[in-house]
Amino acid sequence: MDFLWKATTPLGVCRLAQFLYVTHYPFQYKLPYQLDYRKGILQVEKVALKYSVLKLVPPFISLGIVVVSAAAIYCLHMDEGHLLNDLRFWVWICLIVVGILSIYGYLMVMLDKNDESIQLWEQVVVFDWHLRKEFKIQSGLRSSDLLKSYQIPIISFLLSSFLLGSYIFNPIGLLLVMYLELDCTSYIFRNLIYPIITSWVINFPRSLQFPTCYVINLVVGYHIAQMIGFGFCVVIFILNCIQTMLKIAPLFLTRTRNLYNLNVLIRWFKCFQIGNYIAAPMQRNAILFGVIGCNVTLTSVSYALIRLNHELQGILIAGGWVGYLLVAMVIKFGWGMISGIHSNTKYCLKILVQWGVLSRIGTIRERRLHSKILKSMRPIELPVGLGSYTFFYAKKSNELIFGMYAQEGIPHSNVNSYIKKYEESNEVPTGRPAKLATTKVKNRIKKSSKIIHQRQRLAPQERIHACWNKLLKKIRGKVVIMDNEPQVTAELSNLPGTHFFHSPNPCEVKYEGKVQKKDPFTKQ
């Protein structure tokens, strides 16, 4: 459990969030997703809930936070005229913003029907793991200094401190918040709910107000910490993986040409291909929903607050422009990262064209390994700039790729038919990559997988009869004693040296007098 105190990396922060807010979460409801660290790779898995309705509990809590905070602001406006001078107003506005963002992020994951986000996570994380492993093998200590960054450890340390502090000191902090009357639950209960209850129940005890509000605030506090912690740790981990990919992948191209560099390039192409086919619609939807959601939220909240207090008009207009500026910066940052990935991919393809598919690299064994890696690839279409670039077509003009397959005995017709299928479908199917094999290899596979002989299974009754025959052969010609009466064969002379005794009371005769040693039977 040392990662609890050494969570200065995005991986440590994710494991800390999983340990605190999933494995040891103080309440019964759970998130439908969890993080699992296996074999050095952080995986995202679905959690099987007992009832499908339980996955709606987190957004329902976030929606309750938004509604209660808005009602508290309305009641505060009715009691006091100047909202800007009250600290409670700004605290409840922050709660509304956090609740809306948590609902938006949670619904983005829940409405992902084909689990595209999980697939993209797996591809990026696995590629990052292979990249780090091969980089560690090939590079020395000086080269590994390129991966060091002072920003990510600081952000990871701050986020891990927030996770630990909110988990441990949340009950004590809520007592302080309730003492300062900054929570919206106590304010709503005291000014709205308690008068309604007392109108129905005359002798309702006022002492139940504090424990009820404290339990509700405790659930809300842990829920907010869970949403913020999980959201930020996942974003930081993905950004760290992408940053590592952008730093290491071009570094491999500047080194000598070998099999490991080609393996890294192929993994880069595969990850880029899957990210392009999966992440592009998700990215468009996220940006579209984000812009629409920000417009609707800012417009509705601003209109409601201006109706409550006209003094807020100038502040809300300035805050709206600041919000739009932040959204534009986030979108620009995302598109800048995507353009960096595209430029790196274009650079990798250019270098790979100059290498000539590495047809003269290393020994025969390395070329065979390279051909196996190359044959496991599907035709990869990479959108670079405004056009498209297909990996197979890059080598079709100078016959280099056909020459590589010819070294392994694969005819041109197989490669042409495979490319033709890709042209007709114009899509890259998911699943296990197809293998190109010759007729000789196919016949060998059929021969090795052929059923040589089939033996009929015996029924239980036939097996019992076989056991009876074995037992009869073993006990044939032997004496069987039942109670005190011996059962022997018809002719006693056939049993040499055998004496039989009979007594109504067997206890009177000693055992040595009853049984004597027999002479062994003569072998025929």
Protein backbone atom coordinates (compact mmCIF):
# COMPACT_ATOMS: atom_id res chain seq x y z
CA MET A 1 0.00 0.00 0.00
CA ASP A 2 2.95 2.34 -0.51
CA PHE A 3 1.22 4.01 -3.48
CA LEU A 4 -1.03 5.86 -1.00
CA TRP A 5 1.93 7.96 0.12
CA LYS A 6 3.83 8.03 -3.21
CA ALA A 7 1.03 9.09 -5.54
CA THR A 8 3.14 11.60 -7.46
CA THR A 9 2.37 10.05 -10.87
CA PRO A 10 -0.92 9.84 -12.81
CA LEU A 11 -0.89 6.06 -12.35
CA GLY A 12 -0.56 6.43 -8.58
CA VAL A 13 -3.38 8.98 -8.50
CA CYS A 14 -5.71 6.65 -10.45
CA ARG A 15 -4.90 3.73 -8.14
CA LEU A 16 -5.49 5.97 -5.12
CA ALA A 17 -8.89 7.07 -6.47
CA GLN A 18 -9.84 3.44 -7.11
CA PHE A 19 -8.72 2.40 -3.61
CA LEU A 20 -10.52 5.18 -1.74
CA TYR A 21 -13.66 5.95 -3.74
CA VAL A 22 -14.50 2.51 -5.18
CA THR A 23 -13.00 -0.28 -3.07
CA HIS A 24 -13.42 1.45 0.31
CA TYR A 25 -16.23 3.87 -0.50
CA PRO A 26 -18.26 4.47 2.69
CA PHE A 27 -21.67 4.13 0.98
CA GLN A 28 -23.38 1.22 -0.75
CA TYR A 29 -23.96 2.60 -4.25
CA LYS A 30 -21.12 2.22 -6.76
CA LEU A 31 -20.05 3.67 -10.08
CA PRO A 32 -20.67 1.47 -13.15
CA TYR A 33 -16.95 1.61 -14.00
CA GLN A 34 -13.80 0.82 -12.07
CA LEU A 35 -10.02 0.94 -12.60
CA ASP A 36 -8.02 -2.28 -12.36
CA TYR A 37 -4.21 -2.38 -12.32
CA ARG A 38 -2.96 -5.67 -13.83
CA LYS A 39 0.48 -6.55 -15.21
CA GLY A 40 1.64 -2.96 -15.25
CA ILE A 41 -1.39 -1.72 -17.25
CA LEU A 42 -4.28 0.30 -15.85
CA GLN A 43 -7.51 -1.12 -17.29
CA VAL A 44 -11.05 0.27 -17.23
CA GLU A 45 -13.74 -2.32 -16.53
CA LYS A 46 -17.51 -2.34 -16.26
CA VAL A 47 -19.02 -3.19 -12.88
CA ALA A 48 -21.97 -5.57 -12.84
CA LEU A 49 -24.64 -3.88 -10.72
CA LYS A 50 -27.43 -5.85 -9.09
CA TYR A 51 -30.08 -3.61 -10.67
CA SER A 52 -29.63 -1.49 -13.78
CA VAL A 53 -31.44 1.38 -12.07
CA LEU A 54 -28.55 1.78 -9.61
CA LYS A 55 -26.37 3.40 -12.27
CA LEU A 56 -28.72 6.42 -12.16
CA VAL A 57 -27.95 7.11 -8.48
CA PRO A 58 -24.83 9.32 -9.07
CA PRO A 59 -26.50 11.68 -11.61
CA PHE A 60 -29.59 11.81 -9.38
CA ILE A 61 -27.42 13.01 -6.47
CA SER A 62 -25.76 15.62 -8.72
CA LEU A 63 -29.17 16.79 -9.91
CA GLY A 64 -30.30 17.08 -6.29
CA ILE A 65 -27.25 19.25 -5.53
CA VAL A 66 -28.15 21.62 -8.38
CA VAL A 67 -31.84 21.85 -7.39
CA VAL A 68 -31.21 22.35 -3.67
CA SER A 69 -28.50 24.97 -4.31
CA ALA A 70 -30.76 26.90 -6.70
CA ALA A 71 -33.63 26.78 -4.18
CA ALA A 72 -31.29 28.00 -1.43
CA ILE A 73 -30.19 30.95 -3.59
CA TYR A 74 -33.83 31.84 -4.23
CA CYS A 75 -34.68 31.70 -0.50
CA LEU A 76 -31.59 33.76 0.30
CA HIS A 77 -32.70 36.40 -2.20
CA MET A 78 -36.12 36.55 -0.54
CA ASP A 79 -34.56 37.04 2.90
CA GLU A 80 -31.70 39.37 1.98
CA GLY A 81 -31.50 41.87 -0.83
CA HIS A 82 -27.75 42.02 -1.53
CA LEU A 83 -26.46 38.64 -2.67
CA LEU A 84 -22.98 39.74 -3.73
CA ASN A 85 -21.93 40.53 -0.18
CA ASP A 86 -22.96 37.10 1.11
CA LEU A 87 -20.39 34.29 1.03
CA ARG A 88 -23.11 31.64 0.91
CA PHE A 89 -24.22 32.84 -2.52
CA TRP A 90 -20.80 32.17 -4.09
CA VAL A 91 -20.45 28.79 -2.34
CA TRP A 92 -23.79 27.62 -3.68
CA ILE A 93 -22.98 28.91 -7.18
CA CYS A 94 -19.84 26.73 -7.11
CA LEU A 95 -21.96 23.74 -6.05
CA ILE A 96 -24.28 24.33 -9.02
CA VAL A 97 -21.33 24.44 -11.44
CA VAL A 98 -19.81 21.25 -9.98
CA GLY A 99 -23.15 19.45 -10.12
CA ILE A 100 -23.79 20.40 -13.77
CA LEU A 101 -20.28 19.37 -14.85
CA SER A 102 -20.54 16.03 -13.04
CA ILE A 103 -23.91 15.29 -14.70
CA TYR A 104 -22.48 16.20 -18.10
CA GLY A 105 -19.38 14.02 -17.71
CA TYR A 106 -21.30 11.09 -16.26
CA LEU A 107 -23.89 11.11 -19.06
CA MET A 108 -21.15 11.21 -21.70
CA VAL A 109 -19.85 7.90 -20.35
CA MET A 110 -23.26 6.33 -19.75
CA LEU A 111 -24.62 7.16 -23.23
CA ASP A 112 -21.65 5.44 -24.88
CA LYS A 113 -23.52 2.38 -26.14
CA ASN A 114 -20.64 0.65 -27.96
CA ASP A 115 -18.09 1.22 -25.16
CA GLU A 116 -15.98 3.34 -27.51
CA SER A 117 -14.40 5.22 -24.62
CA ILE A 118 -13.20 1.95 -23.04
CA GLN A 119 -11.74 0.74 -26.36
CA LEU A 120 -9.89 4.00 -26.88
CA TRP A 121 -8.58 3.89 -23.30
CA GLU A 122 -7.26 0.33 -23.75
CA GLN A 123 -5.50 1.10 -27.03
CA VAL A 124 -3.81 4.25 -25.72
CA VAL A 125 -2.75 2.67 -22.41
CA VAL A 126 -1.41 -0.55 -23.97
CA PHE A 127 0.54 1.40 -26.57
CA ASP A 128 2.00 3.64 -23.87
CA TRP A 129 3.08 0.57 -21.89
CA HIS A 130 4.83 -1.04 -24.90
CA LEU A 131 6.44 2.25 -25.80
CA ARG A 132 7.88 2.76 -22.32
CA LYS A 133 9.09 -0.84 -22.14
CA GLU A 134 10.93 -0.78 -25.47
CA PHE A 135 12.27 2.71 -24.80
CA LYS A 136 13.67 1.52 -21.47
CA ILE A 137 15.34 -1.46 -23.17
CA GLN A 138 16.94 0.51 -25.99
CA SER A 139 17.77 3.80 -24.29
CA GLY A 140 20.13 4.65 -21.50
CA LEU A 141 19.66 6.77 -18.42
CA ARG A 142 20.39 10.02 -20.25
CA SER A 143 17.68 9.36 -22.82
CA SER A 144 15.16 8.56 -20.11
CA ASP A 145 15.57 12.10 -18.77
CA LEU A 146 13.55 13.30 -21.76
CA LEU A 147 10.41 11.86 -20.18
CA LYS A 148 10.80 13.79 -16.95
CA SER A 149 8.38 16.65 -16.38
CA TYR A 150 7.94 18.83 -13.31
CA GLN A 151 4.35 19.81 -14.07
CA ILE A 152 2.77 16.34 -13.98
CA PRO A 153 4.24 15.34 -10.56
CA ILE A 154 3.06 18.63 -9.03
CA ILE A 155 -0.47 18.22 -10.41
CA SER A 156 -0.52 14.56 -9.34
CA PHE A 157 0.62 15.48 -5.83
CA LEU A 158 -2.07 18.16 -5.50
CA LEU A 159 -4.77 15.81 -6.77
CA SER A 160 -3.67 12.97 -4.48
CA SER A 161 -3.64 15.41 -1.54
CA PHE A 162 -7.19 16.44 -2.42
CA LEU A 163 -8.32 12.80 -2.60
CA LEU A 164 -6.75 11.87 0.74
CA GLY A 165 -7.84 15.07 2.49
CA SER A 166 -11.43 14.87 1.28
CA TYR A 167 -11.68 11.19 2.24
CA ILE A 168 -10.20 11.56 5.74
CA PHE A 169 -11.26 15.06 6.83
CA ASN A 170 -14.64 15.22 5.10
CA PRO A 171 -16.70 14.49 8.28
CA ILE A 172 -14.79 17.09 10.31
CA GLY A 173 -14.91 19.68 7.53
CA LEU A 174 -18.66 19.28 7.16
CA LEU A 175 -19.11 20.01 10.86
CA LEU A 176 -17.20 23.26 10.38
CA VAL A 177 -19.26 24.14 7.29
CA MET A 178 -22.51 23.52 9.15
CA TYR A 179 -21.28 25.57 12.10
CA LEU A 180 -20.58 28.52 9.78
CA GLU A 181 -24.03 27.98 8.12
CA LEU A 182 -22.53 27.66 4.63
CA ASP A 183 -24.40 24.50 3.66
CA CYS A 184 -27.55 24.84 1.58
CA THR A 185 -29.19 21.76 3.15
CA SER A 186 -29.56 23.28 6.62
CA TYR A 187 -30.73 26.58 5.14
CA ILE A 188 -33.45 24.89 3.05
CA PHE A 189 -34.49 22.64 5.94
CA ARG A 190 -34.73 25.55 8.36
CA ASN A 191 -36.55 28.02 6.09
CA LEU A 192 -38.63 25.81 3.82
CA ILE A 193 -38.98 22.17 4.88
CA TYR A 194 -39.34 22.58 8.67
CA PRO A 195 -42.31 25.03 8.47
CA ILE A 196 -44.11 22.64 6.08
CA ILE A 197 -43.52 19.65 8.39
CA THR A 198 -44.63 21.52 11.52
CA SER A 199 -47.87 22.52 9.79
CA TRP A 200 -48.67 18.80 9.43
CA VAL A 201 -47.01 17.39 12.55
CA ILE A 202 -47.33 19.71 15.52
CA ASN A 203 -44.92 17.96 17.87
CA PHE A 204 -42.13 17.36 15.35
CA PRO A 205 -38.78 17.36 17.25
CA ARG A 206 -36.40 20.06 16.09
CA SER A 207 -33.44 18.00 17.29
CA LEU A 208 -33.69 15.79 14.17
CA GLN A 209 -32.64 18.68 11.95
CA PHE A 210 -28.91 18.47 12.61
CA PRO A 211 -28.38 14.67 12.15
CA THR A 212 -30.57 14.61 9.02
CA CYS A 213 -28.73 17.51 7.39
CA TYR A 214 -25.35 16.11 8.45
CA VAL A 215 -26.02 12.71 6.81
CA ILE A 216 -27.20 14.40 3.60
CA ASN A 217 -24.15 16.69 3.56
CA LEU A 218 -21.90 13.68 4.16
CA VAL A 219 -23.30 11.86 1.12
CA VAL A 220 -23.01 15.02 -0.99
CA GLY A 221 -19.43 15.71 0.16
CA TYR A 222 -18.15 12.24 -0.69
CA HIS A 223 -20.06 12.27 -3.98
CA ILE A 224 -18.47 15.57 -5.07
CA ALA A 225 -15.01 14.32 -4.09
CA GLN A 226 -15.64 11.10 -6.04
CA MET A 227 -16.74 12.91 -9.20
CA ILE A 228 -13.91 15.47 -9.12
CA GLY A 229 -11.25 12.90 -8.22
CA PHE A 230 -12.20 10.36 -10.88
CA GLY A 231 -12.67 12.96 -13.60
CA PHE A 232 -9.35 14.72 -13.07
CA CYS A 233 -7.27 11.56 -12.52
CA VAL A 234 -8.55 9.98 -15.77
CA VAL A 235 -7.89 13.17 -17.76
CA ILE A 236 -4.36 13.53 -16.32
CA PHE A 237 -3.54 9.88 -17.01
CA ILE A 238 -4.65 10.08 -20.66
CA LEU A 239 -2.78 13.37 -21.19
CA ASN A 240 0.36 11.84 -19.71
CA CYS A 241 0.09 8.83 -22.06
CA ILE A 242 -0.37 11.08 -25.11
CA GLN A 243 2.54 13.28 -24.04
CA THR A 244 4.75 10.20 -23.69
CA MET A 245 3.71 8.99 -27.14
CA LEU A 246 4.48 12.35 -28.72
CA LYS A 247 7.93 12.44 -27.11
CA ILE A 248 9.09 8.86 -27.63
CA ALA A 249 7.73 7.96 -31.08
CA PRO A 250 9.79 10.56 -33.03
CA LEU A 251 12.82 9.64 -30.93
CA PHE A 252 12.76 6.09 -32.25
CA LEU A 253 12.94 7.37 -35.82
CA THR A 254 16.22 9.21 -35.19
CA ARG A 255 17.93 6.01 -34.04
CA THR A 256 19.28 3.16 -36.14
CA ARG A 257 16.78 1.14 -38.17
CA ASN A 258 15.94 -2.11 -36.47
CA LEU A 259 13.03 -4.38 -35.74
CA TYR A 260 12.06 -2.72 -32.46
CA ASN A 261 11.67 0.68 -34.08
CA LEU A 262 9.42 -0.80 -36.74
CA ASN A 263 7.33 -2.51 -34.06
CA VAL A 264 6.87 0.85 -32.33
CA LEU A 265 5.86 2.47 -35.61
CA ILE A 266 3.32 -0.25 -36.38
CA ARG A 267 1.82 0.09 -32.90
CA TRP A 268 1.68 3.85 -33.44
CA PHE A 269 -0.19 3.36 -36.71
CA LYS A 270 -2.64 0.90 -35.14
CA CYS A 271 -3.32 3.17 -32.18
CA PHE A 272 -3.74 6.15 -34.50
CA GLN A 273 -6.08 4.16 -36.74
CA ILE A 274 -8.31 3.03 -33.87
CA GLY A 275 -8.25 6.49 -32.33
CA ASN A 276 -9.23 8.01 -35.67
CA TYR A 277 -12.17 5.64 -36.22
CA ILE A 278 -13.36 5.68 -32.61
CA ALA A 279 -12.37 9.03 -31.11
CA ALA A 280 -13.39 11.24 -34.02
CA PRO A 281 -17.18 10.90 -33.53
CA MET A 282 -16.75 11.01 -29.76
CA GLN A 283 -14.69 14.18 -30.07
CA ARG A 284 -17.26 15.86 -32.30
CA ASN A 285 -20.08 14.90 -29.94
CA ALA A 286 -18.13 16.08 -26.89
CA ILE A 287 -17.36 19.47 -28.45
CA LEU A 288 -20.92 19.86 -29.74
CA PHE A 289 -22.52 18.90 -26.42
CA GLY A 290 -20.00 21.03 -24.54
CA VAL A 291 -20.70 24.18 -26.53
CA ILE A 292 -24.48 23.67 -26.44
CA GLY A 293 -24.42 22.77 -22.74
CA CYS A 294 -22.32 25.82 -21.85
CA ASN A 295 -24.62 28.11 -23.84
CA VAL A 296 -27.80 26.73 -22.30
CA THR A 297 -26.38 26.64 -18.77
CA LEU A 298 -24.85 30.12 -18.83
CA THR A 299 -27.92 31.66 -20.48
CA SER A 300 -30.46 30.10 -18.11
CA VAL A 301 -28.43 30.73 -14.95
CA SER A 302 -27.63 34.30 -15.98
CA TYR A 303 -31.27 35.05 -16.78
CA ALA A 304 -32.46 33.63 -13.46
CA LEU A 305 -29.87 35.52 -11.42
CA ILE A 306 -30.48 38.81 -13.24
CA ARG A 307 -34.19 38.47 -12.52
CA LEU A 308 -33.31 37.99 -8.86
CA ASN A 309 -30.87 40.87 -8.64
CA HIS A 310 -30.08 43.43 -11.36
CA GLU A 311 -26.72 44.20 -9.77
CA LEU A 312 -25.41 40.90 -11.11
CA GLN A 313 -25.81 41.87 -14.76
CA GLY A 314 -22.30 43.25 -15.32
CA ILE A 315 -20.61 40.51 -13.33
CA LEU A 316 -22.50 37.75 -15.17
CA ILE A 317 -21.67 39.20 -18.57
CA ALA A 318 -17.98 39.31 -17.65
CA GLY A 319 -18.18 35.79 -16.19
CA GLY A 320 -19.88 34.52 -19.36
CA TRP A 321 -17.09 35.86 -21.54
CA VAL A 322 -14.51 34.30 -19.25
CA GLY A 323 -16.35 30.96 -19.47
CA TYR A 324 -16.43 31.11 -23.27
CA LEU A 325 -12.73 31.95 -23.29
CA LEU A 326 -11.96 28.91 -21.14
CA VAL A 327 -14.02 26.65 -23.43
CA ALA A 328 -12.18 28.03 -26.47
CA MET A 329 -8.81 27.39 -24.78
CA VAL A 330 -9.77 23.80 -24.00
CA ILE A 331 -10.93 23.19 -27.58
CA LYS A 332 -7.76 24.77 -28.97
CA PHE A 333 -5.64 22.61 -26.66
CA GLY A 334 -7.45 19.46 -27.81
CA TRP A 335 -7.15 20.30 -31.49
CA GLY A 336 -3.49 21.23 -31.01
CA MET A 337 -2.77 17.82 -29.50
CA ILE A 338 -4.62 16.11 -32.36
CA SER A 339 -2.68 18.11 -34.96
CA GLY A 340 0.55 17.10 -33.19
CA ILE A 341 -0.42 13.43 -33.46
CA HIS A 342 -1.23 13.89 -37.17
CA SER A 343 2.09 15.60 -37.88
CA ASN A 344 4.02 12.88 -36.04
CA THR A 345 2.16 10.20 -38.00
CA LYS A 346 2.96 11.94 -41.27
CA TYR A 347 6.61 12.15 -40.24
CA CYS A 348 6.66 8.45 -39.33
CA LEU A 349 5.19 7.52 -42.70
CA LYS A 350 7.73 9.66 -44.52
CA ILE A 351 10.64 8.02 -42.71
CA LEU A 352 9.14 4.58 -43.28
CA VAL A 353 8.93 5.26 -47.03
CA GLN A 354 12.59 6.23 -47.06
CA TRP A 355 13.54 3.04 -45.22
CA GLY A 356 12.06 0.85 -47.95
CA VAL A 357 10.10 -1.38 -45.54
CA LEU A 358 13.36 -2.41 -43.88
CA SER A 359 14.01 -5.13 -46.47
CA ARG A 360 17.77 -5.20 -45.83
CA ILE A 361 17.87 -4.95 -42.04
CA GLY A 362 19.57 -7.41 -39.75
CA THR A 363 19.66 -11.15 -40.12
CA ILE A 364 17.20 -13.54 -41.75
CA ARG A 365 15.54 -14.15 -38.38
CA GLU A 366 14.87 -10.43 -37.89
CA ARG A 367 13.44 -10.14 -41.40
CA ARG A 368 11.13 -13.07 -40.70
CA LEU A 369 9.98 -11.50 -37.46
CA HIS A 370 9.41 -8.26 -39.30
CA SER A 371 7.37 -10.03 -41.97
CA LYS A 372 5.21 -11.64 -39.26
CA ILE A 373 4.54 -8.24 -37.73
CA LEU A 374 3.82 -6.77 -41.14
CA LYS A 375 1.49 -9.61 -42.13
CA SER A 376 -0.54 -9.13 -38.96
CA MET A 377 -1.37 -5.57 -40.03
CA ARG A 378 -4.54 -4.62 -41.80
CA PRO A 379 -4.54 -1.93 -44.50
CA ILE A 380 -4.35 1.27 -42.47
CA GLU A 381 -5.86 4.45 -43.87
CA LEU A 382 -4.38 7.52 -42.20
CA PRO A 383 -5.96 10.95 -42.73
CA VAL A 384 -2.97 13.26 -43.04
CA GLY A 385 -3.83 16.86 -43.80
CA LEU A 386 -6.76 17.09 -46.21
CA GLY A 387 -6.20 13.77 -47.98
CA SER A 388 -5.71 10.15 -47.02
CA TYR A 389 -2.63 7.97 -47.02
CA THR A 390 -2.85 4.18 -47.11
CA PHE A 391 0.12 2.23 -45.80
CA PHE A 392 -0.10 -0.56 -48.38
CA TYR A 393 -0.42 1.83 -51.29
CA ALA A 394 2.71 3.69 -50.25
CA LYS A 395 4.76 0.64 -51.27
CA LYS A 396 2.67 -0.62 -54.17
CA SER A 397 4.36 1.55 -56.81
CA ASN A 398 7.91 0.28 -56.31
CA GLU A 399 6.94 -3.32 -55.51
CA LEU A 400 8.78 -3.28 -52.18
CA ILE A 401 5.95 -4.68 -50.15
CA PHE A 402 5.32 -7.44 -52.69
CA GLY A 403 9.00 -8.25 -52.56
CA MET A 404 8.79 -8.57 -48.78
CA TYR A 405 5.89 -11.02 -49.09
CA ALA A 406 7.70 -12.87 -51.88
CA GLN A 407 10.58 -13.61 -49.49
CA GLU A 408 8.12 -15.57 -47.36
CA GLY A 409 6.60 -17.41 -50.33
CA ILE A 410 3.31 -15.48 -50.43
CA PRO A 411 2.10 -14.89 -54.02
CA HIS A 412 1.02 -11.51 -55.37
CA SER A 413 -2.56 -12.70 -55.84
CA ASN A 414 -3.10 -13.07 -52.08
CA VAL A 415 -1.92 -9.54 -51.38
CA ASN A 416 -3.92 -8.12 -54.30
CA SER A 417 -7.10 -9.89 -53.18
CA TYR A 418 -6.63 -8.64 -49.64
CA ILE A 419 -6.21 -5.04 -50.79
CA LYS A 420 -9.19 -5.43 -53.14
CA LYS A 421 -11.42 -6.50 -50.25
CA TYR A 422 -10.34 -3.41 -48.38
CA GLU A 423 -11.15 -1.19 -51.39
CA GLU A 424 -14.65 -2.65 -51.68
CA SER A 425 -15.54 -2.34 -48.00
CA ASN A 426 -13.53 0.86 -47.43
CA GLU A 427 -13.39 0.14 -43.72
CA VAL A 428 -11.11 -1.61 -41.28
CA PRO A 429 -13.04 -4.30 -39.39
CA THR A 430 -12.29 -4.75 -35.72
CA GLY A 431 -11.17 -7.96 -34.06
CA ARG A 432 -8.16 -10.18 -34.46
CA PRO A 433 -6.01 -9.28 -37.50
CA ALA A 434 -6.26 -11.66 -40.43
CA LYS A 435 -3.22 -13.70 -41.45
CA LEU A 436 -1.92 -14.09 -45.00
CA ALA A 437 -0.81 -17.67 -45.66
CA THR A 438 0.19 -19.78 -48.65
CA THR A 439 -1.57 -22.95 -49.77
CA LYS A 440 1.23 -25.01 -48.28
CA VAL A 441 0.77 -23.40 -44.88
CA LYS A 442 -3.00 -23.82 -45.04
CA ASN A 443 -2.69 -27.54 -45.85
CA ARG A 444 -0.26 -27.95 -42.98
CA ILE A 445 -2.72 -26.29 -40.61
CA LYS A 446 -5.54 -28.56 -41.80
CA LYS A 447 -3.36 -31.63 -41.39
CA SER A 448 -2.28 -30.70 -37.87
CA SER A 449 -5.84 -29.96 -36.77
CA LYS A 450 -7.35 -33.09 -38.37
CA ILE A 451 -8.96 -35.71 -36.10
CA ILE A 452 -6.79 -38.82 -36.24
CA HIS A 453 -9.01 -41.39 -34.48
CA GLN A 454 -12.31 -41.40 -32.66
CA ARG A 455 -12.95 -43.96 -29.93
CA GLN A 456 -16.45 -44.66 -28.76
CA ARG A 457 -17.01 -43.91 -25.12
CA LEU A 458 -18.15 -46.87 -23.03
CA ALA A 459 -21.43 -46.74 -21.21
CA PRO A 460 -21.30 -46.96 -17.38
CA GLN A 461 -22.93 -50.42 -17.42
CA GLU A 462 -20.26 -51.83 -19.75
CA ARG A 463 -17.51 -50.47 -17.52
CA ILE A 464 -19.15 -52.20 -14.51
CA HIS A 465 -19.21 -55.55 -16.36
CA ALA A 466 -15.52 -55.18 -17.15
CA CYS A 467 -14.75 -54.59 -13.46
CA TRP A 468 -16.79 -57.66 -12.49
CA ASN A 469 -14.75 -59.86 -14.82
CA LYS A 470 -11.53 -58.63 -13.25
CA LEU A 471 -12.81 -59.33 -9.73
CA LEU A 472 -13.98 -62.83 -10.69
CA LYS A 473 -10.55 -63.67 -12.07
CA LYS A 474 -8.90 -62.57 -8.82
CA ILE A 475 -11.18 -64.44 -6.36
CA ARG A 476 -11.55 -67.65 -8.39
CA GLY A 477 -10.68 -70.76 -6.25
CA LYS A 478 -10.49 -68.86 -2.98
CA VAL A 479 -12.39 -69.46 0.28
CA VAL A 480 -15.12 -67.02 1.17
CA ILE A 481 -16.15 -67.02 4.87
CA MET A 482 -19.61 -65.76 5.68
CA ASP A 483 -20.28 -65.59 9.44
CA ASN A 484 -18.84 -68.87 10.78
CA GLU A 485 -19.79 -71.15 7.85
CA PRO A 486 -17.07 -71.77 5.25
CA GLN A 487 -18.08 -71.89 1.61
CA VAL A 488 -15.61 -73.96 -0.41
CA THR A 489 -15.46 -75.78 -3.66
CA ALA A 490 -17.02 -79.21 -4.14
CA GLU A 491 -13.80 -81.26 -3.94
CA LEU A 492 -11.78 -80.38 -0.88
CA SER A 493 -8.86 -82.48 -2.02
CA ASN A 494 -8.08 -79.91 -4.65
CA LEU A 495 -6.97 -77.53 -1.89
CA PRO A 496 -3.77 -79.03 -0.40
CA GLY A 497 -2.82 -78.32 3.19
CA THR A 498 -6.11 -76.69 4.10
CA HIS A 499 -8.00 -77.50 7.31
CA PHE A 500 -11.40 -76.17 8.18
CA PHE A 501 -12.86 -75.80 11.67
CA HIS A 502 -16.42 -75.29 12.77
CA SER A 503 -17.59 -74.24 16.22
CA PRO A 504 -20.89 -72.85 17.45
CA ASN A 505 -18.93 -70.42 19.60
CA PRO A 506 -15.97 -69.09 17.60
CA CYS A 507 -14.56 -67.26 20.65
CA GLU A 508 -13.58 -70.60 22.31
CA VAL A 509 -11.12 -71.47 19.55
CA LYS A 510 -8.00 -69.37 19.10
CA TYR A 511 -7.20 -67.81 15.79
CA GLU A 512 -4.05 -69.90 15.32
CA GLY A 513 -6.17 -73.06 15.70
CA LYS A 514 -8.65 -71.92 13.13
CA VAL A 515 -6.34 -70.93 10.35
CA GLN A 516 -3.12 -72.58 9.38
CA LYS A 517 -0.69 -71.52 6.76
CA LYS A 518 -1.33 -73.16 3.41
CA ASP A 519 1.26 -74.51 1.12
CA PRO A 520 1.58 -72.49 -2.02
CA PHE A 521 -0.13 -73.79 -5.12
CA THR A 522 2.08 -75.47 -7.62
CA LYS A 523 2.48 -73.53 -10.80
CA GLN A 524 1.33 -75.43 -13.86
